[in-house]
Amino acid sequence: MPIGKPKFDTRPGVTAATTARLWICASICIIQYWLLTSSLEAFYGGNLRVTLPMFLASLFCFLMVAGLILTGEKGSRKLQKDVRR
């Protein structure tokens, strides 16, 4: 009985790319949490001029992380379809 193909990516560098994506997402999340905390502190302190721009920057960070995760998942699913063939 022949051994089947693995159901995961075995190409060199895939693990490094996944790890890099994870570290980038973690770094952006740290920045996002800092921005969100600072904007809430400014809001409660009465400084309303910086609240909206900081919130929008935090929202942009969220969208960047979501895009990175979706891009990685999309590539992973495409590769799994190719491996199964």
N, C-alpha and C. Protein backbone atom coordinates (compact mmCIF):
# COMPACT_ATOMS: atom_id res chain seq x y z
N MET A 1 0.84 -1.17 0.00
CA MET A 1 0.00 0.00 0.00
C MET A 1 0.89 1.24 0.00
N PRO A 2 0.72 2.15 -0.98
CA PRO A 2 1.57 3.34 -1.05
C PRO A 2 1.23 4.35 0.05
N ILE A 3 2.23 5.09 0.42
CA ILE A 3 2.04 6.13 1.43
C ILE A 3 1.46 7.36 0.73
N GLY A 4 0.40 7.93 1.29
CA GLY A 4 -0.26 9.09 0.69
C GLY A 4 0.50 10.38 0.95
N LYS A 5 0.12 11.40 0.23
CA LYS A 5 0.73 12.71 0.41
C LYS A 5 0.31 13.29 1.76
N PRO A 6 1.18 14.08 2.40
CA PRO A 6 0.76 14.73 3.65
C PRO A 6 -0.29 15.79 3.39
N LYS A 7 -1.13 16.04 4.36
CA LYS A 7 -2.21 17.01 4.20
C LYS A 7 -1.80 18.40 4.68
N PHE A 8 -0.53 18.66 4.80
CA PHE A 8 -0.02 19.96 5.20
C PHE A 8 1.14 20.33 4.29
N ASP A 9 1.51 21.58 4.32
CA ASP A 9 2.55 22.12 3.44
C ASP A 9 3.93 21.70 3.93
N THR A 10 4.70 21.07 3.06
CA THR A 10 6.04 20.61 3.43
C THR A 10 7.15 21.40 2.73
N ARG A 11 6.79 22.47 2.04
CA ARG A 11 7.81 23.25 1.35
C ARG A 11 8.69 23.98 2.35
N PRO A 12 9.98 24.19 2.02
CA PRO A 12 10.84 24.92 2.94
C PRO A 12 10.44 26.40 3.01
N GLY A 13 10.48 26.94 4.21
CA GLY A 13 10.19 28.35 4.41
C GLY A 13 8.75 28.65 4.80
N VAL A 14 7.88 27.66 4.72
CA VAL A 14 6.48 27.90 5.06
C VAL A 14 6.33 28.15 6.56
N THR A 15 7.04 27.39 7.36
CA THR A 15 6.98 27.58 8.81
C THR A 15 7.52 28.95 9.19
N ALA A 16 8.59 29.38 8.54
CA ALA A 16 9.16 30.70 8.83
C ALA A 16 8.20 31.81 8.44
N ALA A 17 7.53 31.67 7.32
CA ALA A 17 6.56 32.68 6.89
C ALA A 17 5.38 32.75 7.85
N THR A 18 4.92 31.60 8.31
CA THR A 18 3.81 31.56 9.26
C THR A 18 4.21 32.19 10.59
N THR A 19 5.42 31.89 11.04
CA THR A 19 5.92 32.46 12.29
C THR A 19 6.08 33.97 12.17
N ALA A 20 6.57 34.44 11.04
CA ALA A 20 6.72 35.88 10.82
C ALA A 20 5.36 36.56 10.81
N ARG A 21 4.37 35.94 10.18
CA ARG A 21 3.02 36.50 10.16
C ARG A 21 2.46 36.59 11.58
N LEU A 22 2.73 35.57 12.38
CA LEU A 22 2.26 35.56 13.77
C LEU A 22 2.91 36.69 14.57
N TRP A 23 4.21 36.89 14.42
CA TRP A 23 4.91 37.95 15.16
C TRP A 23 4.45 39.34 14.71
N ILE A 24 4.21 39.50 13.42
CA ILE A 24 3.73 40.80 12.93
C ILE A 24 2.33 41.09 13.49
N CYS A 25 1.47 40.08 13.49
CA CYS A 25 0.11 40.26 14.05
C CYS A 25 0.18 40.59 15.53
N ALA A 26 1.05 39.91 16.27
CA ALA A 26 1.18 40.17 17.70
C ALA A 26 1.69 41.59 17.95
N SER A 27 2.65 42.04 17.16
CA SER A 27 3.19 43.39 17.33
C SER A 27 2.13 44.45 17.03
N ILE A 28 1.37 44.24 15.97
CA ILE A 28 0.31 45.19 15.63
C ILE A 28 -0.76 45.20 16.70
N CYS A 29 -1.07 44.03 17.26
CA CYS A 29 -2.07 43.97 18.33
C CYS A 29 -1.60 44.73 19.57
N ILE A 30 -0.33 44.65 19.90
CA ILE A 30 0.21 45.40 21.04
C ILE A 30 0.05 46.90 20.79
N ILE A 31 0.37 47.34 19.59
CA ILE A 31 0.20 48.75 19.26
C ILE A 31 -1.27 49.14 19.31
N GLN A 32 -2.14 48.26 18.81
CA GLN A 32 -3.57 48.55 18.82
C GLN A 32 -4.09 48.69 20.24
N TYR A 33 -3.69 47.80 21.12
CA TYR A 33 -4.15 47.88 22.51
C TYR A 33 -3.65 49.15 23.18
N TRP A 34 -2.42 49.55 22.87
CA TRP A 34 -1.89 50.78 23.42
C TRP A 34 -2.71 51.99 22.92
N LEU A 35 -3.01 52.01 21.62
CA LEU A 35 -3.81 53.11 21.06
C LEU A 35 -5.21 53.16 21.66
N LEU A 36 -5.82 52.01 21.81
CA LEU A 36 -7.16 51.97 22.37
C LEU A 36 -7.17 52.42 23.83
N THR A 37 -6.19 51.98 24.60
CA THR A 37 -6.09 52.40 26.00
C THR A 37 -5.83 53.90 26.11
N SER A 38 -4.96 54.41 25.28
CA SER A 38 -4.66 55.84 25.31
C SER A 38 -5.86 56.68 24.89
N SER A 39 -6.61 56.19 23.90
CA SER A 39 -7.79 56.97 23.48
C SER A 39 -8.87 56.96 24.56
N LEU A 40 -9.04 55.84 25.25
CA LEU A 40 -10.00 55.82 26.36
C LEU A 40 -9.56 56.71 27.50
N GLU A 41 -8.25 56.71 27.80
CA GLU A 41 -7.73 57.58 28.85
C GLU A 41 -7.93 59.05 28.49
N ALA A 42 -7.69 59.39 27.23
CA ALA A 42 -7.90 60.77 26.78
C ALA A 42 -9.37 61.14 26.84
N PHE A 43 -10.23 60.23 26.47
CA PHE A 43 -11.67 60.49 26.52
C PHE A 43 -12.14 60.74 27.95
N TYR A 44 -11.72 59.88 28.85
CA TYR A 44 -12.12 60.07 30.25
C TYR A 44 -11.45 61.27 30.89
N GLY A 45 -10.31 61.68 30.35
CA GLY A 45 -9.64 62.88 30.85
C GLY A 45 -10.22 64.16 30.29
N GLY A 46 -11.12 64.07 29.33
CA GLY A 46 -11.77 65.24 28.77
C GLY A 46 -11.12 65.77 27.50
N ASN A 47 -10.08 65.14 27.01
CA ASN A 47 -9.41 65.58 25.78
C ASN A 47 -10.06 64.87 24.60
N LEU A 48 -11.08 65.47 24.04
CA LEU A 48 -11.84 64.83 22.97
C LEU A 48 -11.22 65.02 21.59
N ARG A 49 -10.22 65.88 21.46
CA ARG A 49 -9.63 66.14 20.14
C ARG A 49 -8.80 64.97 19.64
N VAL A 50 -8.20 64.21 20.53
CA VAL A 50 -7.34 63.10 20.11
C VAL A 50 -8.06 61.76 20.14
N THR A 51 -9.26 61.73 20.67
CA THR A 51 -9.96 60.46 20.83
C THR A 51 -10.31 59.81 19.49
N LEU A 52 -10.91 60.55 18.59
CA LEU A 52 -11.32 59.99 17.30
C LEU A 52 -10.13 59.56 16.44
N PRO A 53 -9.08 60.38 16.28
CA PRO A 53 -7.94 59.91 15.47
C PRO A 53 -7.27 58.66 16.04
N MET A 54 -7.18 58.58 17.38
CA MET A 54 -6.56 57.40 17.98
C MET A 54 -7.44 56.18 17.81
N PHE A 55 -8.74 56.36 17.91
CA PHE A 55 -9.66 55.25 17.67
C PHE A 55 -9.57 54.78 16.22
N LEU A 56 -9.49 55.70 15.28
CA LEU A 56 -9.37 55.33 13.86
C LEU A 56 -8.06 54.61 13.58
N ALA A 57 -6.98 55.03 14.25
CA ALA A 57 -5.70 54.33 14.09
C ALA A 57 -5.80 52.92 14.65
N SER A 58 -6.49 52.76 15.78
CA SER A 58 -6.70 51.43 16.35
C SER A 58 -7.54 50.56 15.41
N LEU A 59 -8.55 51.13 14.80
CA LEU A 59 -9.38 50.41 13.85
C LEU A 59 -8.56 49.99 12.62
N PHE A 60 -7.66 50.86 12.17
CA PHE A 60 -6.77 50.52 11.05
C PHE A 60 -5.87 49.35 11.41
N CYS A 61 -5.33 49.34 12.64
CA CYS A 61 -4.51 48.22 13.10
C CYS A 61 -5.32 46.92 13.08
N PHE A 62 -6.57 46.99 13.54
CA PHE A 62 -7.43 45.81 13.53
C PHE A 62 -7.63 45.29 12.11
N LEU A 63 -7.86 46.19 11.17
CA LEU A 63 -8.08 45.78 9.78
C LEU A 63 -6.82 45.17 9.18
N MET A 64 -5.64 45.70 9.54
CA MET A 64 -4.39 45.12 9.05
C MET A 64 -4.20 43.69 9.54
N VAL A 65 -4.45 43.47 10.83
CA VAL A 65 -4.31 42.12 11.39
C VAL A 65 -5.33 41.18 10.75
N ALA A 66 -6.56 41.63 10.60
CA ALA A 66 -7.58 40.79 9.97
C ALA A 66 -7.18 40.43 8.54
N GLY A 67 -6.61 41.38 7.82
CA GLY A 67 -6.15 41.12 6.46
C GLY A 67 -5.02 40.11 6.42
N LEU A 68 -4.07 40.22 7.36
CA LEU A 68 -2.97 39.26 7.41
C LEU A 68 -3.48 37.85 7.71
N ILE A 69 -4.40 37.75 8.64
CA ILE A 69 -4.93 36.43 8.99
C ILE A 69 -5.72 35.84 7.83
N LEU A 70 -6.57 36.64 7.20
CA LEU A 70 -7.36 36.14 6.07
C LEU A 70 -6.48 35.75 4.88
N THR A 71 -5.42 36.51 4.64
CA THR A 71 -4.51 36.18 3.55
C THR A 71 -3.81 34.85 3.82
N GLY A 72 -3.37 34.66 5.05
CA GLY A 72 -2.71 33.40 5.40
C GLY A 72 -3.66 32.21 5.30
N GLU A 73 -4.89 32.37 5.78
CA GLU A 73 -5.86 31.29 5.70
C GLU A 73 -6.24 30.98 4.26
N LYS A 74 -6.36 32.01 3.44
CA LYS A 74 -6.72 31.81 2.04
C LYS A 74 -5.62 31.03 1.32
N GLY A 75 -4.37 31.39 1.57
CA GLY A 75 -3.26 30.66 0.96
C GLY A 75 -3.17 29.23 1.45
N SER A 76 -3.45 29.03 2.72
CA SER A 76 -3.42 27.68 3.29
C SER A 76 -4.50 26.80 2.69
N ARG A 77 -5.69 27.33 2.53
CA ARG A 77 -6.78 26.53 1.96
C ARG A 77 -6.53 26.23 0.49
N LYS A 78 -5.97 27.19 -0.23
CA LYS A 78 -5.66 26.96 -1.64
C LYS A 78 -4.62 25.85 -1.76
N LEU A 79 -3.63 25.88 -0.89
CA LEU A 79 -2.59 24.86 -0.94
C LEU A 79 -3.15 23.49 -0.57
N GLN A 80 -4.05 23.43 0.41
CA GLN A 80 -4.65 22.15 0.78
C GLN A 80 -5.45 21.56 -0.38
N LYS A 81 -6.12 22.41 -1.15
CA LYS A 81 -6.84 21.91 -2.31
C LYS A 81 -5.88 21.34 -3.35
N ASP A 82 -4.72 22.01 -3.53
CA ASP A 82 -3.74 21.54 -4.49
C ASP A 82 -3.09 20.23 -4.03
N VAL A 83 -2.87 20.09 -2.74
CA VAL A 83 -2.23 18.89 -2.21
C VAL A 83 -3.15 17.69 -2.33
N ARG A 84 -4.43 17.90 -2.14
CA ARG A 84 -5.39 16.79 -2.20
C ARG A 84 -5.57 16.24 -3.60
N ARG A 85 -5.23 17.01 -4.61
CA ARG A 85 -5.39 16.54 -5.99
C ARG A 85 -4.36 15.57 -6.38
